[in-house]
Amino acid sequence: MLKVSLETLEKMTNYGAEDEPHRRVAGNFALYSAPGTKSGSAVYFELEPGFELGNHTNGAEEIVYIVAGTVEVTIGKRRIKFQVVNWE
């Protein structure tokens, strides 16, 4: 079993182009082929309120796990809003 600590994961900050000041994300690949996964990956992102990751495409299925706040995801032409739910 591979384990990752988000507290010690080195985070890289990526910025959008000069004409895209609303794009800024900090994160990194928590799991991928180099540390031993056979297929797939887990990517950790931190987004500040009002900022976005930006559009991207890939062939893999994605799981979005939200620790805090609300995230809006666009899949094709559908926009879906996800938020943290307190199950207590």
C-alpha atoms as a PDB file:
ATOM      1  CA  MET A   1       0.000   0.000   0.000  1.00  0.00           C
ATOM      2  CA  LEU A   2       1.265   3.468  -0.879  1.00  0.00           C
ATOM      3  CA  LYS A   3       0.661   6.277   1.612  1.00  0.00           C
ATOM      4  CA  VAL A   4       0.868  10.031   1.103  1.00  0.00           C
ATOM      5  CA  SER A   5       0.878  12.784   3.712  1.00  0.00           C
ATOM      6  CA  LEU A   6      -0.712  15.966   2.376  1.00  0.00           C
ATOM      7  CA  GLU A   7       1.034  17.935   5.135  1.00  0.00           C
ATOM      8  CA  THR A   8       4.469  16.987   3.749  1.00  0.00           C
ATOM      9  CA  LEU A   9       3.615  16.863   0.028  1.00  0.00           C
ATOM     10  CA  GLU A  10       5.683  19.493  -1.783  1.00  0.00           C
ATOM     11  CA  LYS A  11       3.285  21.849  -3.558  1.00  0.00           C
ATOM     12  CA  MET A  12       4.051  23.708  -6.770  1.00  0.00           C
ATOM     13  CA  THR A  13       2.192  26.931  -7.576  1.00  0.00           C
ATOM     14  CA  ASN A  14       1.132  27.375 -11.189  1.00  0.00           C
ATOM     15  CA  TYR A  15      -0.151  30.647 -12.597  1.00  0.00           C
ATOM     16  CA  GLY A  16      -2.177  31.380 -15.707  1.00  0.00           C
ATOM     17  CA  ALA A  17      -0.988  33.631 -18.508  1.00  0.00           C
ATOM     18  CA  GLU A  18      -0.870  37.393 -17.942  1.00  0.00           C
ATOM     19  CA  ASP A  19      -4.356  37.683 -19.428  1.00  0.00           C
ATOM     20  CA  GLU A  20      -5.675  34.955 -17.078  1.00  0.00           C
ATOM     21  CA  PRO A  21      -5.027  36.330 -13.580  1.00  0.00           C
ATOM     22  CA  HIS A  22      -7.891  34.215 -12.158  1.00  0.00           C
ATOM     23  CA  ARG A  23      -5.942  30.991 -12.769  1.00  0.00           C
ATOM     24  CA  ARG A  24      -3.724  29.990  -9.880  1.00  0.00           C
ATOM     25  CA  VAL A  25      -3.424  26.593  -8.257  1.00  0.00           C
ATOM     26  CA  ALA A  26      -1.004  24.975  -5.830  1.00  0.00           C
ATOM     27  CA  GLY A  27      -0.615  21.217  -5.867  1.00  0.00           C
ATOM     28  CA  ASN A  28       1.295  18.204  -7.025  1.00  0.00           C
ATOM     29  CA  PHE A  29       0.930  14.565  -8.006  1.00  0.00           C
ATOM     30  CA  ALA A  30       0.443  12.656  -4.769  1.00  0.00           C
ATOM     31  CA  LEU A  31       0.530   9.256  -6.493  1.00  0.00           C
ATOM     32  CA  TYR A  32       1.731   8.380 -10.003  1.00  0.00           C
ATOM     33  CA  SER A  33       3.974   5.849 -11.720  1.00  0.00           C
ATOM     34  CA  ALA A  34       7.337   7.030 -10.270  1.00  0.00           C
ATOM     35  CA  PRO A  35       6.568   6.073  -6.634  1.00  0.00           C
ATOM     36  CA  GLY A  36       4.979   2.825  -7.713  1.00  0.00           C
ATOM     37  CA  THR A  37       1.399   3.047  -8.990  1.00  0.00           C
ATOM     38  CA  LYS A  38       0.724   0.658 -11.884  1.00  0.00           C
ATOM     39  CA  SER A  39      -1.916   2.839 -13.495  1.00  0.00           C
ATOM     40  CA  GLY A  40      -3.711   6.006 -12.584  1.00  0.00           C
ATOM     41  CA  SER A  41      -2.703   8.879 -10.393  1.00  0.00           C
ATOM     42  CA  ALA A  42      -3.915  11.050  -7.538  1.00  0.00           C
ATOM     43  CA  VAL A  43      -3.418  14.778  -7.845  1.00  0.00           C
ATOM     44  CA  TYR A  44      -3.758  17.187  -4.928  1.00  0.00           C
ATOM     45  CA  PHE A  45      -4.825  20.794  -5.560  1.00  0.00           C
ATOM     46  CA  GLU A  46      -5.363  23.826  -3.376  1.00  0.00           C
ATOM     47  CA  LEU A  47      -7.459  26.608  -4.895  1.00  0.00           C
ATOM     48  CA  GLU A  48      -8.001  29.945  -3.207  1.00  0.00           C
ATOM     49  CA  PRO A  49     -11.533  31.416  -3.372  1.00  0.00           C
ATOM     50  CA  GLY A  50     -12.156  33.030  -6.756  1.00  0.00           C
ATOM     51  CA  PHE A  51      -9.313  31.227  -8.544  1.00  0.00           C
ATOM     52  CA  GLU A  52      -9.556  28.307 -10.952  1.00  0.00           C
ATOM     53  CA  LEU A  53      -7.536  25.434 -12.303  1.00  0.00           C
ATOM     54  CA  GLY A  54      -8.569  26.112 -15.884  1.00  0.00           C
ATOM     55  CA  ASN A  55      -9.783  23.802 -18.629  1.00  0.00           C
ATOM     56  CA  HIS A  56      -7.987  20.565 -19.313  1.00  0.00           C
ATOM     57  CA  THR A  57      -8.782  17.229 -20.874  1.00  0.00           C
ATOM     58  CA  ASN A  58      -7.527  13.741 -20.228  1.00  0.00           C
ATOM     59  CA  GLY A  59      -8.587  10.172 -20.846  1.00  0.00           C
ATOM     60  CA  ALA A  60      -8.727   9.117 -17.205  1.00  0.00           C
ATOM     61  CA  GLU A  61     -11.725   9.136 -14.933  1.00  0.00           C
ATOM     62  CA  GLU A  62     -11.431  11.649 -12.129  1.00  0.00           C
ATOM     63  CA  ILE A  63     -12.531  11.645  -8.515  1.00  0.00           C
ATOM     64  CA  VAL A  64     -12.979  15.020  -6.839  1.00  0.00           C
ATOM     65  CA  TYR A  65     -12.594  15.004  -3.051  1.00  0.00           C
ATOM     66  CA  ILE A  66     -13.386  18.367  -1.486  1.00  0.00           C
ATOM     67  CA  VAL A  67     -11.924  19.113   1.926  1.00  0.00           C
ATOM     68  CA  ALA A  68     -13.443  22.584   2.347  1.00  0.00           C
ATOM     69  CA  GLY A  69     -15.512  25.026   0.337  1.00  0.00           C
ATOM     70  CA  THR A  70     -17.369  24.637  -2.942  1.00  0.00           C
ATOM     71  CA  VAL A  71     -16.043  23.608  -6.362  1.00  0.00           C
ATOM     72  CA  GLU A  72     -17.708  24.070  -9.750  1.00  0.00           C
ATOM     73  CA  VAL A  73     -16.773  21.460 -12.353  1.00  0.00           C
ATOM     74  CA  THR A  74     -17.573  21.578 -16.073  1.00  0.00           C
ATOM     75  CA  ILE A  75     -17.892  18.233 -17.843  1.00  0.00           C
ATOM     76  CA  GLY A  76     -18.665  18.671 -21.510  1.00  0.00           C
ATOM     77  CA  LYS A  77     -21.431  21.274 -21.495  1.00  0.00           C
ATOM     78  CA  ARG A  78     -22.618  20.432 -17.957  1.00  0.00           C
ATOM     79  CA  ARG A  79     -21.639  22.582 -14.967  1.00  0.00           C
ATOM     80  CA  ILE A  80     -21.907  20.866 -11.603  1.00  0.00           C
ATOM     81  CA  LYS A  81     -21.347  22.445  -8.201  1.00  0.00           C
ATOM     82  CA  PHE A  82     -19.896  20.285  -5.404  1.00  0.00           C
ATOM     83  CA  GLN A  83     -19.553  21.232  -1.761  1.00  0.00           C
ATOM     84  CA  VAL A  84     -18.494  19.717   1.530  1.00  0.00           C
ATOM     85  CA  VAL A  85     -21.279  17.892   3.356  1.00  0.00           C
ATOM     86  CA  ASN A  86     -21.208  17.459   7.113  1.00  0.00           C
ATOM     87  CA  TRP A  87     -22.520  13.925   7.759  1.00  0.00           C
ATOM     88  CA  GLU A  88     -22.673  14.321  11.543  1.00  0.00           C
END
